[in-house]
Amino acid sequence: MKTIKLIHNPTAGDLEHSKKKLIALIESNGFKCNYASIKKKGWNTIEADTDFIISAGGDGTVRKLTKELLDRKVLEQSWPIALLPLGTANNIAKTLGLAKDTEAVVHAWHKAKIKHYDIGLISYNEQTTFFLESFGFGVFPKLMMEMKKQKMNDLETPEQRIQTALELLHEIIEAYDSRYCEIEIDGTDYSGKYLMAEIMNTRSIGPNLVLSPDSTPFDGYLNVVLVPEKDKNKLVNYVTGKIDSKEKNHTLMNIKAKSVRIGWSDNLVHIDDEFIKIPKSSEVKIELKEGILEFLMP
């Protein structure tokens, strides 16, 4: 019998995803389960006999867990991660192609295989961090800031949060003036004025915006999505389709990359599902780090 560590965000999901019901589901599928709430101290204590770790929550829960594993010393023990997607967007789980049904996901762990997950390493102003999903400038961090100001993350259901975010993003894109971006991708200069510059490791970001349909965190590449002023209508039309539940394909500029150097005339950026401010025109260096993490895949 395999022993798992369940790292649970109790505020994600619904009543079917309570501590009691998740433990019962996991143990009924033949696993021994040790539980920890990510909201409580000591959640990051992992028992030595653990075979793999479960991240039960949204993309933010995955990031918090992976940060803990990446911060461990090289000689310390690490573990594969399996996902139980319970969050609003679940962009990482969607990129990995995981089933929506929780019971189906748990049952698939018996035959799951380990795959090595790439990350993006971010360096600026003598600081270093990472991203699992994406890093970017422009309309998307602006959306995140406005959602926080308007307390949109407090809306009751995931569907409401996503729909409201899409409608707000549409307004932001329409009003946004393109900004100068100094950007070099694998030694080639792509500098110019853009509405958005996203360095992506997953297919989608935020309210399930599939900006890079071919992205996968297992292929040894990042994908850079650039939206110049001339492509503004392409982005508007794509978001409009999402709002109307009629998602359309798009032809936004998408460039595969191993390394990126980027500077933006604004100081607002996002790293995965968090936005921060950095000194204006700071040069940010992004490098692909291949296979740093281990994920269980059905």
Protein backbone atom coordinates (compact mmCIF):
# COMPACT_ATOMS: atom_id res chain seq x y z
CA MET A 1 0.00 0.00 0.00
CA LYS A 2 1.42 3.38 -1.04
CA THR A 3 1.52 6.20 1.49
CA ILE A 4 0.60 9.68 0.30
CA LYS A 5 0.73 13.12 1.88
CA LEU A 6 -2.43 15.10 1.13
CA ILE A 7 -1.76 18.86 1.11
CA HIS A 8 -5.24 20.39 1.05
CA ASN A 9 -6.54 23.92 0.61
CA PRO A 10 -9.83 23.64 2.57
CA THR A 11 -11.20 26.83 0.97
CA ALA A 12 -11.04 25.30 -2.54
CA GLY A 13 -13.75 23.15 -4.06
CA ASP A 14 -17.14 22.45 -2.47
CA LEU A 15 -18.63 20.23 0.24
CA GLU A 16 -17.67 17.13 -1.77
CA HIS A 17 -14.02 18.12 -1.29
CA SER A 18 -13.95 18.40 2.50
CA LYS A 19 -11.09 16.91 4.50
CA LYS A 20 -13.23 13.97 5.61
CA LYS A 21 -14.53 13.12 2.14
CA LEU A 22 -11.14 13.43 0.42
CA ILE A 23 -9.44 11.15 2.95
CA ALA A 24 -12.28 8.62 2.63
CA LEU A 25 -12.04 8.69 -1.19
CA ILE A 26 -8.26 8.26 -1.19
CA GLU A 27 -8.25 5.45 1.38
CA SER A 28 -11.11 3.63 -0.38
CA ASN A 29 -8.85 3.52 -3.44
CA GLY A 30 -6.19 1.61 -1.52
CA PHE A 31 -3.82 4.35 -0.34
CA LYS A 32 -2.67 5.27 3.16
CA CYS A 33 -3.31 9.00 3.63
CA ASN A 34 -1.56 11.54 5.88
CA TYR A 35 -3.41 14.87 5.86
CA ALA A 36 -2.27 18.51 6.22
CA SER A 37 -4.16 21.76 5.63
CA ILE A 38 -2.05 24.30 3.76
CA LYS A 39 -3.71 26.96 5.93
CA LYS A 40 -2.07 25.63 9.12
CA LYS A 41 1.48 25.71 10.41
CA GLY A 42 3.52 22.59 9.87
CA TRP A 43 1.77 21.65 6.63
CA ASN A 44 5.18 21.22 4.98
CA THR A 45 6.30 18.41 7.29
CA ILE A 46 6.47 15.35 5.04
CA GLU A 47 6.72 11.91 6.61
CA ALA A 48 9.75 9.88 5.53
CA ASP A 49 7.65 6.94 4.29
CA THR A 50 5.69 9.14 1.86
CA ASP A 51 5.57 7.81 -1.72
CA PHE A 52 4.13 10.94 -3.32
CA ILE A 53 2.43 14.22 -2.40
CA ILE A 54 -1.06 15.35 -3.42
CA SER A 55 -1.77 19.03 -4.06
CA ALA A 56 -5.53 19.38 -3.52
CA GLY A 57 -6.54 22.92 -4.43
CA GLY A 58 -5.92 25.40 -7.22
CA ASP A 59 -2.86 26.68 -9.05
CA GLY A 60 -1.83 28.74 -6.01
CA THR A 61 -1.69 25.61 -3.85
CA VAL A 62 0.53 23.90 -6.44
CA ARG A 63 2.88 26.88 -6.45
CA LYS A 64 3.12 27.00 -2.65
CA LEU A 65 3.95 23.30 -2.49
CA THR A 66 6.49 23.39 -5.31
CA LYS A 67 8.20 26.43 -3.79
CA GLU A 68 8.67 24.43 -0.60
CA LEU A 69 10.19 21.51 -2.54
CA LEU A 70 12.44 23.78 -4.63
CA ASP A 71 13.70 25.53 -1.49
CA ARG A 72 14.93 22.25 0.00
CA LYS A 73 18.64 21.52 -0.07
CA VAL A 74 19.91 19.29 -2.87
CA LEU A 75 20.62 16.38 -0.54
CA GLU A 76 17.21 16.51 1.16
CA GLN A 77 14.48 14.11 0.11
CA SER A 78 11.95 15.20 -2.48
CA TRP A 79 8.78 13.58 -3.83
CA PRO A 80 6.63 13.41 -6.97
CA ILE A 81 3.51 15.59 -6.97
CA ALA A 82 0.02 14.54 -8.04
CA LEU A 83 -2.77 17.06 -8.52
CA LEU A 84 -6.37 17.08 -7.34
CA PRO A 85 -7.61 20.22 -9.14
CA LEU A 86 -10.16 21.99 -6.91
CA GLY A 87 -9.47 25.65 -7.71
CA THR A 88 -11.06 28.30 -9.92
CA ALA A 89 -8.96 28.07 -13.09
CA ASN A 90 -6.75 24.98 -12.62
CA ASN A 91 -4.53 26.02 -15.54
CA ILE A 92 -1.76 23.59 -14.58
CA ALA A 93 -4.13 20.63 -14.34
CA LYS A 94 -5.72 21.55 -17.68
CA THR A 95 -2.31 21.70 -19.34
CA LEU A 96 -1.55 18.25 -17.91
CA GLY A 97 -4.85 16.96 -19.31
CA LEU A 98 -6.21 15.73 -15.98
CA ALA A 99 -9.79 14.49 -15.72
CA LYS A 100 -12.38 16.77 -14.10
CA ASP A 101 -13.83 13.97 -11.99
CA THR A 102 -12.01 13.72 -8.64
CA GLU A 103 -12.61 9.99 -8.24
CA ALA A 104 -11.24 9.28 -11.72
CA VAL A 105 -8.11 11.29 -10.91
CA VAL A 106 -7.51 9.36 -7.68
CA HIS A 107 -8.07 5.97 -9.34
CA ALA A 108 -5.56 6.87 -12.08
CA TRP A 109 -2.74 7.22 -9.52
CA HIS A 110 -2.34 3.43 -9.45
CA LYS A 111 -0.94 3.45 -13.00
CA ALA A 112 0.52 6.96 -13.04
CA LYS A 113 4.02 7.60 -14.37
CA ILE A 114 6.52 10.24 -13.30
CA LYS A 115 7.19 13.07 -15.76
CA HIS A 116 9.81 15.78 -15.24
CA TYR A 117 8.31 19.28 -15.19
CA ASP A 118 10.20 22.34 -16.53
CA ILE A 119 10.11 25.69 -14.74
CA GLY A 120 11.05 29.24 -15.67
CA LEU A 121 13.78 30.82 -13.51
CA ILE A 122 13.37 34.60 -13.09
CA SER A 123 16.25 36.93 -12.13
CA TYR A 124 16.05 40.70 -11.59
CA ASN A 125 17.75 43.20 -9.25
CA GLU A 126 19.75 40.40 -7.56
CA GLN A 127 16.51 38.52 -6.78
CA THR A 128 15.62 35.07 -8.05
CA THR A 129 12.27 33.31 -8.20
CA PHE A 130 10.43 30.94 -10.53
CA PHE A 131 7.18 30.34 -12.37
CA LEU A 132 5.20 27.20 -13.14
CA GLU A 133 2.61 28.83 -15.41
CA SER A 134 3.75 32.18 -16.74
CA PHE A 135 5.44 35.52 -16.19
CA GLY A 136 4.35 38.70 -17.93
CA PHE A 137 3.79 42.41 -18.39
CA GLY A 138 0.85 44.37 -19.77
CA VAL A 139 -2.88 43.76 -19.63
CA PHE A 140 -2.82 40.60 -17.54
CA PRO A 141 -1.11 41.95 -14.37
CA LYS A 142 -3.36 45.01 -14.80
CA LEU A 143 -6.35 42.64 -14.69
CA MET A 144 -5.04 40.97 -11.52
CA MET A 145 -4.56 44.33 -9.80
CA GLU A 146 -8.07 45.52 -10.72
CA MET A 147 -9.64 42.24 -9.58
CA LYS A 148 -8.00 42.64 -6.18
CA LYS A 149 -9.11 46.29 -5.91
CA GLN A 150 -12.70 45.34 -6.74
CA LYS A 151 -12.58 42.21 -4.54
CA MET A 152 -13.68 40.04 -7.45
CA ASN A 153 -11.90 37.03 -6.03
CA ASP A 154 -14.59 36.99 -3.31
CA LEU A 155 -17.35 36.08 -5.78
CA GLU A 156 -19.19 32.93 -4.79
CA THR A 157 -18.53 30.45 -7.59
CA PRO A 158 -15.56 29.73 -9.87
CA GLU A 159 -17.82 30.30 -12.89
CA GLN A 160 -18.76 33.77 -11.63
CA ARG A 161 -15.12 34.66 -10.95
CA ILE A 162 -13.99 33.56 -14.41
CA GLN A 163 -16.86 35.27 -16.25
CA THR A 164 -16.38 38.55 -14.34
CA ALA A 165 -12.61 38.43 -14.92
CA LEU A 166 -13.13 37.98 -18.68
CA GLU A 167 -15.53 40.92 -18.85
CA LEU A 168 -13.10 43.15 -16.94
CA LEU A 169 -10.19 42.01 -19.12
CA HIS A 170 -12.17 42.98 -22.22
CA GLU A 171 -12.57 46.52 -20.83
CA ILE A 172 -8.88 46.73 -19.92
CA ILE A 173 -7.69 45.64 -23.38
CA GLU A 174 -9.95 48.16 -25.12
CA ALA A 175 -8.61 51.03 -22.98
CA TYR A 176 -4.97 49.93 -22.72
CA ASP A 177 -2.24 51.85 -24.56
CA SER A 178 0.59 49.66 -25.87
CA ARG A 179 3.90 50.10 -24.02
CA TYR A 180 7.47 49.84 -25.20
CA CYS A 181 9.06 46.50 -24.40
CA GLU A 182 12.75 45.75 -24.84
CA ILE A 183 12.88 42.01 -25.39
CA GLU A 184 15.47 39.54 -26.64
CA ILE A 185 14.51 35.90 -27.21
CA ASP A 186 17.40 33.44 -27.57
CA GLY A 187 19.60 36.27 -28.84
CA THR A 188 17.10 37.73 -31.36
CA ASP A 189 15.69 41.22 -30.78
CA TYR A 190 11.88 41.52 -30.74
CA SER A 191 11.68 44.96 -29.08
CA GLY A 192 8.63 47.08 -29.82
CA LYS A 193 5.33 48.35 -28.43
CA TYR A 194 3.02 45.67 -27.03
CA LEU A 195 -0.22 45.26 -25.10
CA MET A 196 1.00 42.04 -23.58
CA ALA A 197 4.22 40.07 -23.23
CA GLU A 198 3.78 36.64 -21.63
CA ILE A 199 6.46 34.01 -21.12
CA MET A 200 4.44 30.82 -20.75
CA ASN A 201 5.03 27.28 -19.52
CA THR A 202 1.36 26.19 -19.59
CA ARG A 203 -1.30 26.44 -22.27
CA SER A 204 -3.49 28.87 -20.35
CA ILE A 205 -3.32 31.59 -17.71
CA GLY A 206 -5.78 33.43 -15.47
CA PRO A 207 -9.44 32.90 -16.43
CA ASN A 208 -8.51 29.96 -18.69
CA LEU A 209 -7.06 32.12 -21.47
CA VAL A 210 -5.48 29.61 -23.86
CA LEU A 211 -2.80 31.97 -25.18
CA SER A 212 -0.27 29.26 -26.04
CA PRO A 213 -2.15 26.14 -27.21
CA ASP A 214 1.04 24.18 -27.93
CA SER A 215 2.75 24.84 -24.58
CA THR A 216 3.72 21.90 -22.41
CA PRO A 217 6.00 21.93 -19.34
CA PHE A 218 7.73 18.74 -20.53
CA ASP A 219 9.20 19.78 -23.90
CA GLY A 220 12.28 21.78 -22.88
CA TYR A 221 10.89 25.12 -24.14
CA LEU A 222 9.05 28.18 -22.91
CA ASN A 223 6.60 29.98 -25.20
CA VAL A 224 6.65 33.77 -25.54
CA VAL A 225 3.31 35.36 -26.52
CA LEU A 226 3.54 38.94 -27.80
CA VAL A 227 0.54 41.13 -28.68
CA PRO A 228 1.49 44.28 -30.63
CA GLU A 229 -1.02 47.09 -31.24
CA LYS A 230 -1.87 45.72 -34.69
CA ASP A 231 -3.08 42.45 -33.06
CA LYS A 232 -5.30 44.18 -30.50
CA ASN A 233 -8.50 43.09 -32.28
CA LYS A 234 -7.29 39.48 -32.34
CA LEU A 235 -7.01 39.52 -28.55
CA VAL A 236 -10.32 41.38 -28.13
CA ASN A 237 -12.12 38.89 -30.39
CA TYR A 238 -10.65 35.93 -28.55
CA VAL A 239 -11.75 37.28 -25.15
CA THR A 240 -15.20 38.14 -26.55
CA GLY A 241 -15.57 34.54 -27.70
CA LYS A 242 -14.67 33.32 -24.21
CA ILE A 243 -17.27 35.64 -22.66
CA ASP A 244 -19.93 34.31 -25.03
CA SER A 245 -18.86 30.67 -24.42
CA LYS A 246 -17.83 30.46 -28.08
CA GLU A 247 -14.07 30.16 -27.76
CA LYS A 248 -12.31 30.74 -31.08
CA ASN A 249 -8.81 29.90 -32.26
CA HIS A 250 -6.39 32.81 -32.50
CA THR A 251 -3.14 33.56 -34.30
CA LEU A 252 -1.28 35.57 -31.67
CA MET A 253 2.51 35.78 -32.04
CA ASN A 254 4.03 32.77 -30.26
CA ILE A 255 7.78 32.10 -30.11
CA LYS A 256 9.54 29.11 -28.53
CA ALA A 257 12.38 30.07 -26.21
CA LYS A 258 15.09 28.79 -23.90
CA SER A 259 16.05 32.20 -22.51
CA VAL A 260 14.51 35.69 -22.52
CA ARG A 261 15.77 39.15 -21.53
CA ILE A 262 12.95 41.64 -21.08
CA GLY A 263 12.35 45.17 -19.83
CA TRP A 264 9.02 47.03 -19.80
CA SER A 265 8.20 50.72 -19.44
CA ASP A 266 5.77 49.91 -16.60
CA ASN A 267 6.63 48.31 -13.24
CA LEU A 268 3.64 45.96 -12.84
CA VAL A 269 4.31 42.28 -13.55
CA HIS A 270 2.77 38.97 -12.62
CA ILE A 271 4.39 35.70 -11.59
CA ASP A 272 1.87 32.87 -11.91
CA ASP A 273 -1.24 34.02 -9.99
CA GLU A 274 0.42 36.88 -8.09
CA PHE A 275 1.17 40.44 -9.26
CA ILE A 276 4.06 42.51 -7.97
CA LYS A 277 5.79 45.80 -8.72
CA ILE A 278 9.43 45.97 -9.71
CA PRO A 279 11.59 49.06 -10.41
CA LYS A 280 10.68 50.56 -13.77
CA SER A 281 12.67 49.34 -16.77
CA SER A 282 14.41 46.68 -14.68
CA GLU A 283 15.94 44.04 -16.93
CA VAL A 284 14.46 40.64 -16.17
CA LYS A 285 16.28 37.49 -17.21
CA ILE A 286 14.32 34.28 -17.67
CA GLU A 287 15.91 30.90 -18.21
CA LEU A 288 14.32 27.53 -18.74
CA LYS A 289 15.25 24.92 -16.14
CA GLU A 290 14.38 21.52 -17.55
CA GLY A 291 12.83 18.73 -15.52
CA ILE A 292 13.32 20.30 -12.09
CA LEU A 293 10.09 18.93 -10.60
CA GLU A 294 8.45 15.50 -10.74
CA PHE A 295 4.73 15.20 -11.46
CA LEU A 296 2.57 12.08 -11.58
CA MET A 297 0.76 11.72 -14.87
CA PRO A 298 -2.02 9.23 -15.69
